[in-house]
Amino acid sequence: MCGRGLSVVRRGPPPMVQLAGSVANLRRCACSFSPKQLYSKRLPISAEKYRDLIKLCDDGNIPEPFQAEYRSLPHSARQEDILPESDFDDPEEEE
């Protein structure tokens, strides 16, 4: 390769992918699946996280069609903002 770029030129129609079964079977499979409900109510987020999300809504960073979902999130001042443990080490902590 020695610093030269590689370019691929495709001619003709894109390749077709053939699926086993029919479209009707795919629709039936997609419609019959419903996930199991794990919680009886929505879990609250921290008040700080809620405040930050609302600021994103107010500043227009979250599009209008999605803002109602964020504004309706349950939140609590007693709820701590807990981040999940990472599988990766933070390089700043190693020094």
PDB file of N, CA and C in Angstrom:
ATOM      1  N   MET A   1       0.834  -1.188   0.000  1.00  0.00           N
ATOM      2  CA  MET A   1       0.000   0.000   0.000  1.00  0.00           C
ATOM      3  C   MET A   1       0.878   1.251   0.000  1.00  0.00           C
ATOM      4  N   CYS A   2       1.869   1.353   0.840  1.00  0.00           N
ATOM      5  CA  CYS A   2       2.889   2.405   0.813  1.00  0.00           C
ATOM      6  C   CYS A   2       2.311   3.803   0.602  1.00  0.00           C
ATOM      7  N   GLY A   3       1.304   4.181   1.333  1.00  0.00           N
ATOM      8  CA  GLY A   3       0.789   5.533   1.277  1.00  0.00           C
ATOM      9  C   GLY A   3      -0.195   5.801   0.159  1.00  0.00           C
ATOM     10  N   ARG A   4      -0.423   4.850  -0.705  1.00  0.00           N
ATOM     11  CA  ARG A   4      -1.388   5.050  -1.790  1.00  0.00           C
ATOM     12  C   ARG A   4      -2.792   4.747  -1.292  1.00  0.00           C
ATOM     13  N   GLY A   5      -3.736   5.539  -1.736  1.00  0.00           N
ATOM     14  CA  GLY A   5      -5.123   5.300  -1.354  1.00  0.00           C
ATOM     15  C   GLY A   5      -5.714   4.155  -2.150  1.00  0.00           C
ATOM     16  N   LEU A   6      -6.753   3.595  -1.650  1.00  0.00           N
ATOM     17  CA  LEU A   6      -7.438   2.501  -2.313  1.00  0.00           C
ATOM     18  C   LEU A   6      -8.837   2.986  -2.643  1.00  0.00           C
ATOM     19  N   SER A   7      -9.229   2.866  -3.890  1.00  0.00           N
ATOM     20  CA  SER A   7     -10.577   3.279  -4.256  1.00  0.00           C
ATOM     21  C   SER A   7     -11.297   2.106  -4.906  1.00  0.00           C
ATOM     22  N   VAL A   8     -12.561   2.017  -4.612  1.00  0.00           N
ATOM     23  CA  VAL A   8     -13.387   0.945  -5.154  1.00  0.00           C
ATOM     24  C   VAL A   8     -14.471   1.588  -6.007  1.00  0.00           C
ATOM     25  N   VAL A   9     -14.587   1.123  -7.225  1.00  0.00           N
ATOM     26  CA  VAL A   9     -15.612   1.631  -8.132  1.00  0.00           C
ATOM     27  C   VAL A   9     -16.596   0.501  -8.386  1.00  0.00           C
ATOM     28  N   ARG A  10     -17.857   0.753  -8.089  1.00  0.00           N
ATOM     29  CA  ARG A  10     -18.898  -0.248  -8.333  1.00  0.00           C
ATOM     30  C   ARG A  10     -19.713   0.194  -9.526  1.00  0.00           C
ATOM     31  N   ARG A  11     -19.961  -0.757 -10.382  1.00  0.00           N
ATOM     32  CA  ARG A  11     -20.787  -0.469 -11.554  1.00  0.00           C
ATOM     33  C   ARG A  11     -21.997  -1.396 -11.522  1.00  0.00           C
ATOM     34  N   GLY A  12     -23.092  -0.879 -11.976  1.00  0.00           N
ATOM     35  CA  GLY A  12     -24.292  -1.695 -12.027  1.00  0.00           C
ATOM     36  C   GLY A  12     -25.117  -1.543 -10.759  1.00  0.00           C
ATOM     37  N   PRO A  13     -26.235  -2.254 -10.699  1.00  0.00           N
ATOM     38  CA  PRO A  13     -27.129  -2.146  -9.541  1.00  0.00           C
ATOM     39  C   PRO A  13     -26.486  -2.781  -8.307  1.00  0.00           C
ATOM     40  N   PRO A  14     -26.913  -2.339  -7.124  1.00  0.00           N
ATOM     41  CA  PRO A  14     -26.383  -2.945  -5.904  1.00  0.00           C
ATOM     42  C   PRO A  14     -26.808  -4.409  -5.819  1.00  0.00           C
ATOM     43  N   PRO A  15     -26.038  -5.236  -5.129  1.00  0.00           N
ATOM     44  CA  PRO A  15     -26.401  -6.651  -5.032  1.00  0.00           C
ATOM     45  C   PRO A  15     -27.711  -6.830  -4.269  1.00  0.00           C
ATOM     46  N   MET A  16     -28.479  -7.821  -4.664  1.00  0.00           N
ATOM     47  CA  MET A  16     -29.751  -8.109  -4.013  1.00  0.00           C
ATOM     48  C   MET A  16     -29.532  -9.143  -2.918  1.00  0.00           C
ATOM     49  N   VAL A  17     -30.276  -9.008  -1.848  1.00  0.00           N
ATOM     50  CA  VAL A  17     -30.226  -9.969  -0.757  1.00  0.00           C
ATOM     51  C   VAL A  17     -31.552 -10.701  -0.741  1.00  0.00           C
ATOM     52  N   GLN A  18     -31.504 -12.009  -0.778  1.00  0.00           N
ATOM     53  CA  GLN A  18     -32.730 -12.791  -0.769  1.00  0.00           C
ATOM     54  C   GLN A  18     -32.926 -13.363   0.630  1.00  0.00           C
ATOM     55  N   LEU A  19     -34.096 -13.119   1.184  1.00  0.00           N
ATOM     56  CA  LEU A  19     -34.427 -13.612   2.512  1.00  0.00           C
ATOM     57  C   LEU A  19     -35.241 -14.887   2.391  1.00  0.00           C
ATOM     58  N   ALA A  20     -35.003 -15.789   3.321  1.00  0.00           N
ATOM     59  CA  ALA A  20     -35.804 -17.012   3.345  1.00  0.00           C
ATOM     60  C   ALA A  20     -37.184 -16.667   3.895  1.00  0.00           C
ATOM     61  N   GLY A  21     -38.215 -17.211   3.325  1.00  0.00           N
ATOM     62  CA  GLY A  21     -39.568 -16.929   3.788  1.00  0.00           C
ATOM     63  C   GLY A  21     -40.166 -15.777   3.002  1.00  0.00           C
ATOM     64  N   SER A  22     -41.330 -15.362   3.409  1.00  0.00           N
ATOM     65  CA  SER A  22     -42.017 -14.292   2.696  1.00  0.00           C
ATOM     66  C   SER A  22     -42.097 -13.045   3.563  1.00  0.00           C
ATOM     67  N   VAL A  23     -42.478 -11.950   2.930  1.00  0.00           N
ATOM     68  CA  VAL A  23     -42.646 -10.698   3.656  1.00  0.00           C
ATOM     69  C   VAL A  23     -43.766 -10.838   4.682  1.00  0.00           C
ATOM     70  N   ALA A  24     -44.792 -11.588   4.365  1.00  0.00           N
ATOM     71  CA  ALA A  24     -45.895 -11.797   5.309  1.00  0.00           C
ATOM     72  C   ALA A  24     -45.386 -12.474   6.576  1.00  0.00           C
ATOM     73  N   ASN A  25     -44.492 -13.445   6.431  1.00  0.00           N
ATOM     74  CA  ASN A  25     -43.931 -14.105   7.612  1.00  0.00           C
ATOM     75  C   ASN A  25     -43.116 -13.127   8.448  1.00  0.00           C
ATOM     76  N   LEU A  26     -42.369 -12.249   7.791  1.00  0.00           N
ATOM     77  CA  LEU A  26     -41.581 -11.263   8.527  1.00  0.00           C
ATOM     78  C   LEU A  26     -42.486 -10.323   9.306  1.00  0.00           C
ATOM     79  N   ARG A  27     -43.569  -9.882   8.688  1.00  0.00           N
ATOM     80  CA  ARG A  27     -44.498  -8.987   9.385  1.00  0.00           C
ATOM     81  C   ARG A  27     -45.140  -9.689  10.576  1.00  0.00           C
ATOM     82  N   ARG A  28     -45.525 -10.947  10.400  1.00  0.00           N
ATOM     83  CA  ARG A  28     -46.163 -11.693  11.477  1.00  0.00           C
ATOM     84  C   ARG A  28     -45.194 -11.844  12.648  1.00  0.00           C
ATOM     85  N   CYS A  29     -43.938 -12.137  12.372  1.00  0.00           N
ATOM     86  CA  CYS A  29     -42.941 -12.299  13.430  1.00  0.00           C
ATOM     87  C   CYS A  29     -42.721 -10.985  14.165  1.00  0.00           C
ATOM     88  N   ALA A  30     -42.644  -9.886  13.431  1.00  0.00           N
ATOM     89  CA  ALA A  30     -42.374  -8.593  14.044  1.00  0.00           C
ATOM     90  C   ALA A  30     -43.534  -8.146  14.925  1.00  0.00           C
ATOM     91  N   CYS A  31     -44.757  -8.474  14.539  1.00  0.00           N
ATOM     92  CA  CYS A  31     -45.921  -8.005  15.279  1.00  0.00           C
ATOM     93  C   CYS A  31     -46.227  -8.853  16.507  1.00  0.00           C
ATOM     94  N   SER A  32     -45.789 -10.095  16.531  1.00  0.00           N
ATOM     95  CA  SER A  32     -46.170 -10.968  17.631  1.00  0.00           C
ATOM     96  C   SER A  32     -45.243 -10.860  18.837  1.00  0.00           C
ATOM     97  N   PHE A  33     -44.140 -10.132  18.724  1.00  0.00           N
ATOM     98  CA  PHE A  33     -43.203 -10.014  19.827  1.00  0.00           C
ATOM     99  C   PHE A  33     -43.584  -8.850  20.725  1.00  0.00           C
ATOM    100  N   SER A  34     -43.677  -9.090  22.022  1.00  0.00           N
ATOM    101  CA  SER A  34     -43.879  -8.001  22.975  1.00  0.00           C
ATOM    102  C   SER A  34     -42.951  -8.241  24.164  1.00  0.00           C
ATOM    103  N   PRO A  35     -42.132  -7.243  24.514  1.00  0.00           N
ATOM    104  CA  PRO A  35     -41.177  -7.433  25.604  1.00  0.00           C
ATOM    105  C   PRO A  35     -41.869  -7.544  26.956  1.00  0.00           C
ATOM    106  N   LYS A  36     -41.246  -8.265  27.849  1.00  0.00           N
ATOM    107  CA  LYS A  36     -41.766  -8.443  29.200  1.00  0.00           C
ATOM    108  C   LYS A  36     -41.530  -7.160  29.997  1.00  0.00           C
ATOM    109  N   GLN A  37     -42.552  -6.690  30.705  1.00  0.00           N
ATOM    110  CA  GLN A  37     -42.419  -5.488  31.516  1.00  0.00           C
ATOM    111  C   GLN A  37     -41.658  -5.834  32.790  1.00  0.00           C
ATOM    112  N   LEU A  38     -40.577  -5.108  33.051  1.00  0.00           N
ATOM    113  CA  LEU A  38     -39.730  -5.408  34.202  1.00  0.00           C
ATOM    114  C   LEU A  38     -40.014  -4.526  35.410  1.00  0.00           C
ATOM    115  N   TYR A  39     -40.590  -3.353  35.198  1.00  0.00           N
ATOM    116  CA  TYR A  39     -40.848  -2.431  36.300  1.00  0.00           C
ATOM    117  C   TYR A  39     -42.328  -2.081  36.334  1.00  0.00           C
ATOM    118  N   SER A  40     -42.851  -1.849  37.537  1.00  0.00           N
ATOM    119  CA  SER A  40     -44.261  -1.488  37.659  1.00  0.00           C
ATOM    120  C   SER A  40     -44.487   0.002  37.400  1.00  0.00           C
ATOM    121  N   LYS A  41     -43.428   0.804  37.526  1.00  0.00           N
ATOM    122  CA  LYS A  41     -43.530   2.233  37.224  1.00  0.00           C
ATOM    123  C   LYS A  41     -42.189   2.709  36.673  1.00  0.00           C
ATOM    124  N   ARG A  42     -42.200   3.892  36.099  1.00  0.00           N
ATOM    125  CA  ARG A  42     -40.969   4.448  35.534  1.00  0.00           C
ATOM    126  C   ARG A  42     -40.031   4.855  36.661  1.00  0.00           C
ATOM    127  N   LEU A  43     -38.756   4.541  36.526  1.00  0.00           N
ATOM    128  CA  LEU A  43     -37.776   4.862  37.553  1.00  0.00           C
ATOM    129  C   LEU A  43     -37.374   6.332  37.456  1.00  0.00           C
ATOM    130  N   PRO A  44     -37.251   7.021  38.608  1.00  0.00           N
ATOM    131  CA  PRO A  44     -36.889   8.436  38.559  1.00  0.00           C
ATOM    132  C   PRO A  44     -35.409   8.645  38.255  1.00  0.00           C
ATOM    133  N   ILE A  45     -35.110   9.801  37.673  1.00  0.00           N
ATOM    134  CA  ILE A  45     -33.732  10.220  37.468  1.00  0.00           C
ATOM    135  C   ILE A  45     -33.425  11.309  38.496  1.00  0.00           C
ATOM    136  N   SER A  46     -32.167  11.660  38.639  1.00  0.00           N
ATOM    137  CA  SER A  46     -31.792  12.691  39.609  1.00  0.00           C
ATOM    138  C   SER A  46     -32.320  14.054  39.161  1.00  0.00           C
ATOM    139  N   ALA A  47     -32.522  14.936  40.142  1.00  0.00           N
ATOM    140  CA  ALA A  47     -33.003  16.285  39.844  1.00  0.00           C
ATOM    141  C   ALA A  47     -31.998  17.035  38.976  1.00  0.00           C
ATOM    142  N   GLU A  48     -30.703  16.791  39.203  1.00  0.00           N
ATOM    143  CA  GLU A  48     -29.665  17.460  38.413  1.00  0.00           C
ATOM    144  C   GLU A  48     -29.740  17.030  36.942  1.00  0.00           C
ATOM    145  N   LYS A  49     -29.912  15.733  36.716  1.00  0.00           N
ATOM    146  CA  LYS A  49     -29.997  15.235  35.338  1.00  0.00           C
ATOM    147  C   LYS A  49     -31.263  15.778  34.666  1.00  0.00           C
ATOM    148  N   TYR A  50     -32.382  15.799  35.403  1.00  0.00           N
ATOM    149  CA  TYR A  50     -33.632  16.327  34.862  1.00  0.00           C
ATOM    150  C   TYR A  50     -33.460  17.802  34.483  1.00  0.00           C
ATOM    151  N   ARG A  51     -32.822  18.579  35.368  1.00  0.00           N
ATOM    152  CA  ARG A  51     -32.597  20.001  35.102  1.00  0.00           C
ATOM    153  C   ARG A  51     -31.767  20.188  33.825  1.00  0.00           C
ATOM    154  N   ASP A  52     -30.724  19.366  33.662  1.00  0.00           N
ATOM    155  CA  ASP A  52     -29.885  19.458  32.462  1.00  0.00           C
ATOM    156  C   ASP A  52     -30.673  19.108  31.199  1.00  0.00           C
ATOM    157  N   LEU A  53     -31.533  18.087  31.280  1.00  0.00           N
ATOM    158  CA  LEU A  53     -32.345  17.706  30.123  1.00  0.00           C
ATOM    159  C   LEU A  53     -33.340  18.807  29.754  1.00  0.00           C
ATOM    160  N   ILE A  54     -33.945  19.430  30.763  1.00  0.00           N
ATOM    161  CA  ILE A  54     -34.900  20.513  30.505  1.00  0.00           C
ATOM    162  C   ILE A  54     -34.185  21.705  29.875  1.00  0.00           C
ATOM    163  N   LYS A  55     -32.961  21.987  30.325  1.00  0.00           N
ATOM    164  CA  LYS A  55     -32.177  23.074  29.713  1.00  0.00           C
ATOM    165  C   LYS A  55     -31.899  22.768  28.243  1.00  0.00           C
ATOM    166  N   LEU A  56     -31.590  21.505  27.931  1.00  0.00           N
ATOM    167  CA  LEU A  56     -31.385  21.116  26.531  1.00  0.00           C
ATOM    168  C   LEU A  56     -32.661  21.330  25.716  1.00  0.00           C
ATOM    169  N   CYS A  57     -33.818  21.045  26.327  1.00  0.00           N
ATOM    170  CA  CYS A  57     -35.101  21.287  25.647  1.00  0.00           C
ATOM    171  C   CYS A  57     -35.305  22.782  25.423  1.00  0.00           C
ATOM    172  N   ASP A  58     -35.106  23.574  26.485  1.00  0.00           N
ATOM    173  CA  ASP A  58     -35.330  25.019  26.399  1.00  0.00           C
ATOM    174  C   ASP A  58     -34.397  25.688  25.396  1.00  0.00           C
ATOM    175  N   ASP A  59     -33.168  25.177  25.280  1.00  0.00           N
ATOM    176  CA  ASP A  59     -32.194  25.752  24.348  1.00  0.00           C
ATOM    177  C   ASP A  59     -32.399  25.269  22.915  1.00  0.00           C
ATOM    178  N   GLY A  60     -33.331  24.331  22.703  1.00  0.00           N
ATOM    179  CA  GLY A  60     -33.618  23.833  21.365  1.00  0.00           C
ATOM    180  C   GLY A  60     -32.693  22.724  20.895  1.00  0.00           C
ATOM    181  N   ASN A  61     -31.874  22.180  21.795  1.00  0.00           N
ATOM    182  CA  ASN A  61     -30.972  21.091  21.415  1.00  0.00           C
ATOM    183  C   ASN A  61     -31.705  19.766  21.254  1.00  0.00           C
ATOM    184  N   ILE A  62     -32.819  19.616  21.943  1.00  0.00           N
ATOM    185  CA  ILE A  62     -33.676  18.444  21.775  1.00  0.00           C
ATOM    186  C   ILE A  62     -34.858  18.898  20.917  1.00  0.00           C
ATOM    187  N   PRO A  63     -35.095  18.235  19.785  1.00  0.00           N
ATOM    188  CA  PRO A  63     -36.172  18.663  18.883  1.00  0.00           C
ATOM    189  C   PRO A  63     -37.543  18.658  19.569  1.00  0.00           C
ATOM    190  N   GLU A  64     -38.373  19.577  19.152  1.00  0.00           N
ATOM    191  CA  GLU A  64     -39.711  19.777  19.729  1.00  0.00           C
ATOM    192  C   GLU A  64     -40.544  18.494  19.837  1.00  0.00           C
ATOM    193  N   PRO A  65     -40.559  17.619  18.816  1.00  0.00           N
ATOM    194  CA  PRO A  65     -41.398  16.419  18.932  1.00  0.00           C
ATOM    195  C   PRO A  65     -41.011  15.498  20.096  1.00  0.00           C
ATOM    196  N   PHE A  66     -39.790  15.604  20.593  1.00  0.00           N
ATOM    197  CA  PHE A  66     -39.328  14.713  21.659  1.00  0.00           C
ATOM    198  C   PHE A  66     -39.340  15.368  23.038  1.00  0.00           C
ATOM    199  N   GLN A  67     -39.573  16.666  23.103  1.00  0.00           N
ATOM    200  CA  GLN A  67     -39.466  17.377  24.370  1.00  0.00           C
ATOM    201  C   GLN A  67     -40.489  16.929  25.405  1.00  0.00           C
ATOM    202  N   ALA A  68     -41.692  16.603  24.994  1.00  0.00           N
ATOM    203  CA  ALA A  68     -42.722  16.176  25.952  1.00  0.00           C
ATOM    204  C   ALA A  68     -42.275  14.924  26.705  1.00  0.00           C
ATOM    205  N   GLU A  69     -41.598  14.014  26.011  1.00  0.00           N
ATOM    206  CA  GLU A  69     -41.103  12.792  26.655  1.00  0.00           C
ATOM    207  C   GLU A  69     -40.091  13.132  27.747  1.00  0.00           C
ATOM    208  N   TYR A  70     -39.165  14.034  27.450  1.00  0.00           N
ATOM    209  CA  TYR A  70     -38.147  14.410  28.435  1.00  0.00           C
ATOM    210  C   TYR A  70     -38.757  15.184  29.598  1.00  0.00           C
ATOM    211  N   ARG A  71     -39.702  16.065  29.297  1.00  0.00           N
ATOM    212  CA  ARG A  71     -40.320  16.872  30.357  1.00  0.00           C
ATOM    213  C   ARG A  71     -41.190  16.028  31.291  1.00  0.00           C
ATOM    214  N   SER A  72     -41.658  14.884  30.812  1.00  0.00           N
ATOM    215  CA  SER A  72     -42.523  14.038  31.645  1.00  0.00           C
ATOM    216  C   SER A  72     -41.744  12.982  32.431  1.00  0.00           C
ATOM    217  N   LEU A  73     -40.417  12.986  32.336  1.00  0.00           N
ATOM    218  CA  LEU A  73     -39.630  11.989  33.068  1.00  0.00           C
ATOM    219  C   LEU A  73     -39.790  12.178  34.572  1.00  0.00           C
ATOM    220  N   PRO A  74     -40.013  11.093  35.305  1.00  0.00           N
ATOM    221  CA  PRO A  74     -40.071  11.223  36.764  1.00  0.00           C
ATOM    222  C   PRO A  74     -38.677  11.549  37.296  1.00  0.00           C
ATOM    223  N   HIS A  75     -38.629  12.454  38.290  1.00  0.00           N
ATOM    224  CA  HIS A  75     -37.348  12.846  38.867  1.00  0.00           C
ATOM    225  C   HIS A  75     -37.512  13.078  40.358  1.00  0.00           C
ATOM    226  N   SER A  76     -36.412  12.980  41.074  1.00  0.00           N
ATOM    227  CA  SER A  76     -36.457  13.108  42.521  1.00  0.00           C
ATOM    228  C   SER A  76     -35.161  13.727  43.023  1.00  0.00           C
ATOM    229  N   ALA A  77     -35.281  14.634  43.986  1.00  0.00           N
ATOM    230  CA  ALA A  77     -34.096  15.233  44.602  1.00  0.00           C
ATOM    231  C   ALA A  77     -33.343  14.195  45.427  1.00  0.00           C
ATOM    232  N   ARG A  78     -34.033  13.143  45.847  1.00  0.00           N
ATOM    233  CA  ARG A  78     -33.383  12.093  46.649  1.00  0.00           C
ATOM    234  C   ARG A  78     -32.676  11.057  45.790  1.00  0.00           C
ATOM    235  N   GLN A  79     -32.964  11.045  44.497  1.00  0.00           N
ATOM    236  CA  GLN A  79     -32.349  10.067  43.596  1.00  0.00           C
ATOM    237  C   GLN A  79     -30.937  10.509  43.244  1.00  0.00           C
ATOM    238  N   GLU A  80     -29.952   9.653  43.547  1.00  0.00           N
ATOM    239  CA  GLU A  80     -28.566   9.965  43.204  1.00  0.00           C
ATOM    240  C   GLU A  80     -28.313   9.625  41.743  1.00  0.00           C
ATOM    241  N   ASP A  81     -27.413  10.386  41.139  1.00  0.00           N
ATOM    242  CA  ASP A  81     -27.013  10.123  39.763  1.00  0.00           C
ATOM    243  C   ASP A  81     -25.885   9.104  39.801  1.00  0.00           C
ATOM    244  N   ILE A  82     -26.199   7.862  39.524  1.00  0.00           N
ATOM    245  CA  ILE A  82     -25.229   6.774  39.620  1.00  0.00           C
ATOM    246  C   ILE A  82     -24.869   6.313  38.220  1.00  0.00           C
ATOM    247  N   LEU A  83     -23.585   6.353  37.917  1.00  0.00           N
ATOM    248  CA  LEU A  83     -23.111   5.871  36.627  1.00  0.00           C
ATOM    249  C   LEU A  83     -22.737   4.407  36.754  1.00  0.00           C
ATOM    250  N   PRO A  84     -23.024   3.608  35.741  1.00  0.00           N
ATOM    251  CA  PRO A  84     -22.632   2.194  35.800  1.00  0.00           C
ATOM    252  C   PRO A  84     -21.117   2.058  35.761  1.00  0.00           C
ATOM    253  N   GLU A  85     -20.621   0.981  36.350  1.00  0.00           N
ATOM    254  CA  GLU A  85     -19.188   0.709  36.321  1.00  0.00           C
ATOM    255  C   GLU A  85     -18.759   0.461  34.886  1.00  0.00           C
ATOM    256  N   SER A  86     -17.631   1.029  34.514  1.00  0.00           N
ATOM    257  CA  SER A  86     -17.111   0.865  33.166  1.00  0.00           C
ATOM    258  C   SER A  86     -16.197  -0.349  33.097  1.00  0.00           C
ATOM    259  N   ASP A  87     -16.163  -0.967  31.933  1.00  0.00           N
ATOM    260  CA  ASP A  87     -15.234  -2.070  31.708  1.00  0.00           C
ATOM    261  C   ASP A  87     -13.839  -1.556  31.360  1.00  0.00           C
ATOM    262  N   PHE A  88     -13.720  -0.259  31.135  1.00  0.00           N
ATOM    263  CA  PHE A  88     -12.453   0.333  30.725  1.00  0.00           C
ATOM    264  C   PHE A  88     -11.893   1.189  31.849  1.00  0.00           C
ATOM    265  N   ASP A  89     -10.579   1.193  31.999  1.00  0.00           N
ATOM    266  CA  ASP A  89      -9.923   2.033  32.989  1.00  0.00           C
ATOM    267  C   ASP A  89      -9.797   3.448  32.454  1.00  0.00           C
ATOM    268  N   ASP A  90      -9.989   4.415  33.343  1.00  0.00           N
ATOM    269  CA  ASP A  90      -9.824   5.810  32.980  1.00  0.00           C
ATOM    270  C   ASP A  90      -8.339   6.142  33.021  1.00  0.00           C
ATOM    271  N   PRO A  91      -7.749   6.595  31.913  1.00  0.00           N
ATOM    272  CA  PRO A  91      -6.304   6.854  31.901  1.00  0.00           C
ATOM    273  C   PRO A  91      -5.881   7.925  32.902  1.00  0.00           C
ATOM    274  N   GLU A  92      -6.770   8.870  33.240  1.00  0.00           N
ATOM    275  CA  GLU A  92      -6.432   9.914  34.207  1.00  0.00           C
ATOM    276  C   GLU A  92      -6.257   9.342  35.605  1.00  0.00           C
ATOM    277  N   GLU A  93      -6.980   8.277  35.943  1.00  0.00           N
ATOM    278  CA  GLU A  93      -6.887   7.673  37.267  1.00  0.00           C
ATOM    279  C   GLU A  93      -5.617   6.860  37.439  1.00  0.00           C
ATOM    280  N   GLU A  94      -5.006   6.417  36.342  1.00  0.00           N
ATOM    281  CA  GLU A  94      -3.823   5.573  36.420  1.00  0.00           C
ATOM    282  C   GLU A  94      -2.577   6.371  36.763  1.00  0.00           C
ATOM    283  N   GLU A  95      -2.562   7.667  36.487  1.00  0.00           N
ATOM    284  CA  GLU A  95      -1.365   8.482  36.713  1.00  0.00           C
ATOM    285  C   GLU A  95      -1.172   8.826  38.152  1.00  0.00           C
TER     286      GLU A  95
END
